């Protein structure tokens, strides 16, 4: 899909809608208000998609408070000089992984007050110049490293008022320039999945406004305890990551145990069968002895032979 978009769809769009040149005329979409300073305001116009006829030289695009529940691939491909993009309060539910393709110089992106529950890995990969990202007020329940980064220049990340209970290990390590991180309004579950975030908070408390008021909602032993106050010892019970050798042992243990059980059953069955056969042979021998010596009185048959 990436190959197709890069080598077929993008060139086709550039041919059909070539970049503006000095003196070229671009009409402002009827739903928007265009200013001479490079701002296009399409806020609150009940739009269901991104206007396609836009001046590629614009720097600020306001698309907030519309009805765009999905951003398709290449939605902003022609806007190569865009610096700020506002998409808050649109009811966005899904963003295609190539929706932001071409926004190489974008510095600010606002996706707040939408209904995003997850992000596709690599969605923000084209935004290598991004400084500010807001995902506040969505429905994100977790965050994985591939959803955000790496974003080498990101300075401000707003994740407040989501449904975040955990954060994947290494998410914040992929944001080396981060200066402000908002985490309030999330139901943090302080188990093993949150250990990397707690360690990060210990080292970077000054980057999180109100870090001391971030509280755990579970488990019971840590309920209402500040996340920044949780020590490393609280996670001593967490299992260490499995090594490749551990995985091999676990994978082989089941089949080996099954085969060993079969072998044990076979050996035990063979011993029982052999014992019964020997006992039967001994009984036959005793009866043959009686017939051969009728004057002898056989009083008892035992494991040691025939007794008179």
Protein backbone atom coordinates (compact mmCIF):
# COMPACT_ATOMS: atom_id res chain seq x y z
CA UNK A 1 0.00 0.00 0.00
CA UNK A 2 2.83 2.44 0.81
CA UNK A 3 4.58 1.61 -2.47
CA UNK A 4 1.36 2.15 -4.46
CA UNK A 5 0.66 5.48 -2.77
CA UNK A 6 4.20 6.80 -3.17
CA UNK A 7 4.77 5.85 -6.79
CA UNK A 8 1.31 5.95 -8.37
CA UNK A 9 -1.30 7.91 -6.42
CA UNK A 10 0.89 10.84 -5.33
CA UNK A 11 2.31 11.61 -8.83
CA UNK A 12 -1.20 11.32 -10.31
CA UNK A 13 -2.55 13.87 -7.82
CA UNK A 14 0.30 16.25 -8.58
CA UNK A 15 -0.41 15.98 -12.32
CA UNK A 16 -4.10 16.65 -11.89
CA UNK A 17 -3.53 19.45 -9.37
CA UNK A 18 -0.03 20.90 -9.96
CA UNK A 19 1.54 23.10 -7.28
CA UNK A 20 0.89 26.79 -7.47
CA UNK A 21 3.38 29.07 -9.14
CA UNK A 22 3.71 32.83 -8.85
CA UNK A 23 0.71 34.38 -10.48
CA UNK A 24 -1.36 31.19 -10.60
CA UNK A 25 -4.99 31.55 -9.59
CA UNK A 26 -6.65 29.30 -7.03
CA UNK A 27 -10.26 29.77 -6.05
CA UNK A 28 -11.21 29.70 -2.39
CA UNK A 29 -13.75 26.94 -1.59
CA UNK A 30 -17.22 28.37 -1.18
CA UNK A 31 -17.53 26.81 2.29
CA UNK A 32 -14.41 28.54 3.59
CA UNK A 33 -12.98 31.97 4.24
CA UNK A 34 -9.50 32.53 2.81
CA UNK A 35 -7.16 35.25 4.02
CA UNK A 36 -4.18 36.82 2.33
CA UNK A 37 -1.85 35.75 5.14
CA UNK A 38 -2.24 32.06 4.19
CA UNK A 39 -5.06 31.04 6.55
CA UNK A 40 -8.12 29.13 5.32
CA UNK A 41 -11.01 28.96 7.79
CA UNK A 42 -13.48 26.14 7.17
CA UNK A 43 -14.64 25.82 10.80
CA UNK A 44 -18.20 24.81 11.59
CA UNK A 45 -19.37 24.41 7.98
CA UNK A 46 -20.86 20.89 8.34
CA UNK A 47 -18.18 19.49 6.02
CA UNK A 48 -17.95 15.71 5.60
CA UNK A 49 -14.59 15.75 3.79
CA UNK A 50 -11.55 17.95 3.31
CA UNK A 51 -12.09 20.57 0.57
CA UNK A 52 -10.07 19.43 -2.44
CA UNK A 53 -9.55 22.77 -4.20
CA UNK A 54 -7.13 24.53 -1.89
CA UNK A 55 -4.19 26.81 -2.51
CA UNK A 56 -1.12 24.64 -1.84
CA UNK A 57 0.67 27.68 -0.43
CA UNK A 58 -1.64 28.02 2.60
CA UNK A 59 -0.03 27.69 6.01
CA UNK A 60 -2.99 27.43 8.41
CA UNK A 61 -6.08 25.26 7.82
CA UNK A 62 -9.01 25.33 10.25
CA UNK A 63 -11.34 22.35 9.82
CA UNK A 64 -12.66 22.10 13.38
CA UNK A 65 -16.30 21.54 14.36
CA UNK A 66 -17.33 19.73 11.17
CA UNK A 67 -18.58 16.18 10.52
CA UNK A 68 -15.56 14.33 9.15
CA UNK A 69 -15.56 10.91 10.82
CA UNK A 70 -12.78 9.52 8.59
CA UNK A 71 -9.61 10.97 7.06
CA UNK A 72 -8.80 9.14 3.79
CA UNK A 73 -5.31 8.60 2.33
CA UNK A 74 -3.75 11.69 0.81
CA UNK A 75 -6.29 14.04 2.38
CA UNK A 76 -3.68 16.84 2.59
CA UNK A 77 -1.11 15.75 0.01
CA UNK A 78 -1.11 19.04 -1.94
CA UNK A 79 -0.63 21.21 1.15
CA UNK A 80 3.12 20.84 1.35
CA UNK A 81 3.62 24.22 3.08
CA UNK A 82 0.99 23.74 5.78
CA UNK A 83 2.22 24.66 9.28
CA UNK A 84 -0.93 24.30 11.40
CA UNK A 85 -3.91 21.95 11.05
CA UNK A 86 -6.95 21.99 13.35
CA UNK A 87 -9.33 19.01 13.23
CA UNK A 88 -10.86 19.10 16.70
CA UNK A 89 -14.53 18.32 17.36
CA UNK A 90 -15.23 16.49 14.09
CA UNK A 91 -16.40 13.14 15.43
CA UNK A 92 -13.31 11.53 13.90
CA UNK A 93 -13.37 7.77 14.41
CA UNK A 94 -10.54 6.64 12.14
CA UNK A 95 -7.52 8.10 10.41
CA UNK A 96 -5.96 6.29 7.46
CA UNK A 97 -2.27 5.59 7.90
CA UNK A 98 -1.50 7.80 4.86
CA UNK A 99 -3.89 10.65 5.71
CA UNK A 100 -1.06 13.04 6.66
CA UNK A 101 1.22 12.12 3.76
CA UNK A 102 2.99 15.17 2.34
CA UNK A 103 2.81 17.39 5.45
CA UNK A 104 6.57 17.52 5.86
CA UNK A 105 6.72 20.94 7.54
CA UNK A 106 3.59 20.73 9.71
CA UNK A 107 4.33 22.01 13.22
CA UNK A 108 0.94 21.91 14.98
CA UNK A 109 -1.82 19.27 14.79
CA UNK A 110 -5.01 19.37 16.89
CA UNK A 111 -7.10 16.18 16.95
CA UNK A 112 -8.81 16.84 20.27
CA UNK A 113 -12.48 16.29 21.13
CA UNK A 114 -12.98 13.44 18.65
CA UNK A 115 -13.86 9.75 19.15
CA UNK A 116 -10.58 8.05 18.22
CA UNK A 117 -10.15 4.70 19.98
CA UNK A 118 -6.92 3.61 18.29
CA UNK A 119 -4.33 4.79 15.77
CA UNK A 120 -2.73 2.85 12.97
CA UNK A 121 1.04 2.33 13.33
CA UNK A 122 2.92 4.94 11.32
CA UNK A 123 0.05 7.44 11.12
CA UNK A 124 2.26 10.32 12.28
CA UNK A 125 5.45 9.13 10.56
CA UNK A 126 5.34 11.84 7.81
CA UNK A 127 5.15 14.59 10.45
CA UNK A 128 8.83 14.77 11.29
CA UNK A 129 8.69 18.56 11.90
CA UNK A 130 5.74 18.36 14.32
CA UNK A 131 6.14 20.41 17.53
CA UNK A 132 2.64 20.21 19.07
CA UNK A 133 0.14 17.33 19.04
CA UNK A 134 -3.18 17.22 20.88
CA UNK A 135 -5.15 13.99 21.25
CA UNK A 136 -7.09 15.23 24.27
CA UNK A 137 -10.73 14.31 24.72
CA UNK A 138 -10.73 11.14 22.62
CA UNK A 139 -11.42 7.52 23.61
CA UNK A 140 -7.92 6.08 23.51
CA UNK A 141 -7.62 3.19 25.96
CA UNK A 142 -3.92 2.50 25.45
CA UNK A 143 -0.96 3.93 23.60
CA UNK A 144 1.68 1.97 21.72
CA UNK A 145 5.15 3.17 20.57
CA UNK A 146 4.38 2.72 16.87
CA UNK A 147 1.23 4.86 17.15
CA UNK A 148 3.12 8.06 17.87
CA UNK A 149 6.78 7.95 17.08
CA UNK A 150 9.37 8.53 16.40
CA UNK A 151 8.67 12.27 16.39
CA UNK A 152 12.10 13.81 16.99
CA UNK A 153 10.95 17.45 17.31
CA UNK A 154 7.69 17.01 19.26
CA UNK A 155 7.70 19.32 22.28
CA UNK A 156 4.09 19.23 23.51
CA UNK A 157 1.80 16.17 23.73
CA UNK A 158 -1.70 16.41 25.19
CA UNK A 159 -3.34 13.09 26.17
CA UNK A 160 -5.70 14.29 28.88
CA UNK A 161 -9.34 13.23 29.18
CA UNK A 162 -9.04 9.92 27.33
CA UNK A 163 -9.64 6.37 28.61
CA UNK A 164 -5.96 5.53 28.96
CA UNK A 165 -5.27 2.81 31.51
CA UNK A 166 -1.80 1.84 30.27
CA UNK A 167 1.01 2.98 28.03
CA UNK A 168 3.27 0.72 26.04
CA UNK A 169 6.91 0.51 27.04
CA UNK A 170 9.07 2.93 25.08
CA UNK A 171 6.34 5.35 23.92
CA UNK A 172 7.96 8.39 25.53
CA UNK A 173 11.50 7.28 24.71
CA UNK A 174 10.68 7.94 21.04
CA UNK A 175 9.94 11.61 21.80
CA UNK A 176 13.38 12.97 22.76
CA UNK A 177 12.46 16.69 22.51
CA UNK A 178 9.33 16.47 24.68
CA UNK A 179 8.90 19.44 27.05
CA UNK A 180 5.22 19.22 28.11
CA UNK A 181 3.07 16.11 28.62
CA UNK A 182 -0.56 16.32 29.80
CA UNK A 183 -1.95 13.10 31.27
CA UNK A 184 -4.85 14.18 33.49
CA UNK A 185 -8.32 12.69 33.29
CA UNK A 186 -7.33 9.08 32.52
CA UNK A 187 -8.16 5.93 34.55
CA UNK A 188 -4.60 4.69 35.07
CA UNK A 189 -4.25 1.05 36.15
CA UNK A 190 -0.98 0.82 38.05
CA UNK A 191 0.06 -2.74 37.24
CA UNK A 192 3.02 -4.06 35.28
CA UNK A 193 1.87 -2.37 32.06
CA UNK A 194 2.39 1.07 33.62
CA UNK A 195 5.84 0.46 35.10
CA UNK A 196 7.73 2.20 32.27
CA UNK A 197 5.53 5.32 32.57
CA UNK A 198 6.06 5.47 36.33
CA UNK A 199 9.83 5.24 35.86
CA UNK A 200 9.64 8.02 33.26
CA UNK A 201 7.60 10.20 35.66
CA UNK A 202 10.24 9.80 38.35
CA UNK A 203 12.88 11.19 35.99
CA UNK A 204 10.75 13.85 34.26
CA UNK A 205 8.21 15.06 36.83
CA UNK A 206 8.91 18.65 35.80
CA UNK A 207 7.59 17.95 32.28
CA UNK A 208 4.14 16.86 33.48
CA UNK A 209 1.89 19.64 34.82
CA UNK A 210 0.31 18.49 38.09
CA UNK A 211 2.20 15.19 38.05
CA UNK A 212 1.63 14.78 41.80
CA UNK A 213 -2.16 14.63 41.25
CA UNK A 214 -2.08 11.74 38.74
CA UNK A 215 -3.74 8.93 40.71
CA UNK A 216 -4.11 5.17 40.23
CA UNK A 217 -7.64 3.78 40.04
CA UNK A 218 -6.51 0.16 40.60
CA UNK A 219 -5.32 -2.32 41.85
CA UNK A 220 -6.77 -1.96 45.35
CA UNK A 221 -3.42 -1.74 47.09
CA UNK A 222 -2.49 1.30 44.97
CA UNK A 223 -5.90 2.96 44.55
CA UNK A 224 -5.70 6.78 44.84
CA UNK A 225 -1.96 6.62 45.19
CA UNK A 226 -0.02 9.22 43.14
CA UNK A 227 1.70 7.59 40.20
CA UNK A 228 4.80 9.71 40.72
CA UNK A 229 5.12 8.24 44.24
CA UNK A 230 5.14 4.59 43.16
CA UNK A 231 8.59 3.11 43.66
CA UNK A 232 10.40 0.56 41.54
CA UNK A 233 9.90 -2.00 44.31
CA UNK A 234 6.15 -1.93 43.67
CA UNK A 235 6.79 -3.72 40.37
CA UNK A 236 9.14 -6.42 41.69
CA UNK A 237 6.41 -9.01 41.22
CA UNK A 238 6.24 -8.34 37.50
CA UNK A 239 7.55 -11.19 35.37
CA UNK A 240 10.73 -10.60 33.44
CA UNK A 241 10.49 -10.68 29.63
CA UNK A 242 10.87 -14.15 28.18
CA UNK A 243 14.12 -14.89 26.36
CA UNK A 244 14.16 -16.81 23.06
CA UNK A 245 15.42 -19.85 24.97
CA UNK A 246 12.46 -19.59 27.39
CA UNK A 247 10.07 -19.57 24.45
CA UNK A 248 11.76 -22.67 22.97
CA UNK A 249 11.49 -24.53 26.30
CA UNK A 250 7.82 -23.57 26.74
CA UNK A 251 7.05 -24.58 23.16
CA UNK A 252 8.73 -27.98 23.53
CA UNK A 253 7.50 -28.72 27.05
CA UNK A 254 3.95 -29.60 26.00
CA UNK A 255 4.80 -32.17 23.27
CA UNK A 256 7.60 -33.69 25.38
CA UNK A 257 5.29 -34.10 28.39
CA UNK A 258 2.66 -35.72 26.19
CA UNK A 259 5.13 -38.20 24.70
CA UNK A 260 6.56 -39.00 28.15
CA UNK A 261 3.04 -39.73 29.43
CA UNK A 262 2.40 -42.08 26.51
CA UNK A 263 5.70 -43.87 27.14
CA UNK A 264 4.91 -44.23 30.86
CA UNK A 265 1.47 -45.65 30.12
CA UNK A 266 2.96 -48.12 27.60
CA UNK A 267 5.62 -49.35 30.05
CA UNK A 268 3.15 -49.67 32.93
CA UNK A 269 0.68 -51.54 30.73
CA UNK A 270 3.44 -53.88 29.52
CA UNK A 271 4.45 -54.71 33.11
CA UNK A 272 0.85 -55.47 34.11
CA UNK A 273 0.37 -57.69 31.05
CA UNK A 274 3.64 -59.58 31.71
CA UNK A 275 2.75 -60.13 35.39
CA UNK A 276 -0.71 -61.47 34.54
CA UNK A 277 0.72 -63.80 31.90
CA UNK A 278 3.28 -65.23 34.34
CA UNK A 279 0.60 -65.75 36.99
CA UNK A 280 -1.60 -67.56 34.50
CA UNK A 281 1.29 -69.80 33.44
CA UNK A 282 2.04 -70.63 37.09
CA UNK A 283 -1.59 -71.64 37.71
CA UNK A 284 -1.57 -73.88 34.66
CA UNK A 285 1.64 -75.53 35.86
CA UNK A 286 0.10 -76.27 39.27
CA UNK A 287 -2.98 -77.89 37.80
CA UNK A 288 -0.85 -79.97 35.49
CA UNK A 289 1.12 -81.14 38.55
CA UNK A 290 -2.10 -82.30 40.29
CA UNK A 291 -3.10 -84.34 37.30
CA UNK A 292 0.36 -85.92 37.10
CA UNK A 293 0.51 -86.74 40.89
CA UNK A 294 -3.03 -87.32 42.14
CA UNK A 295 -1.79 -88.67 45.48
CA UNK A 296 -0.37 -85.25 46.39
CA UNK A 297 -2.70 -82.82 48.20
CA UNK A 298 -2.42 -79.25 46.98
CA UNK A 299 -3.63 -77.06 49.81
CA UNK A 300 -2.89 -73.60 48.38
CA UNK A 301 -1.64 -71.87 45.30
CA UNK A 302 0.55 -68.87 46.01
CA UNK A 303 2.96 -66.48 44.26
CA UNK A 304 5.84 -68.75 45.21
CA UNK A 305 4.40 -71.84 43.58
CA UNK A 306 2.07 -74.69 44.59
CA UNK A 307 2.10 -75.66 48.28
CA UNK A 308 1.03 -78.99 49.71
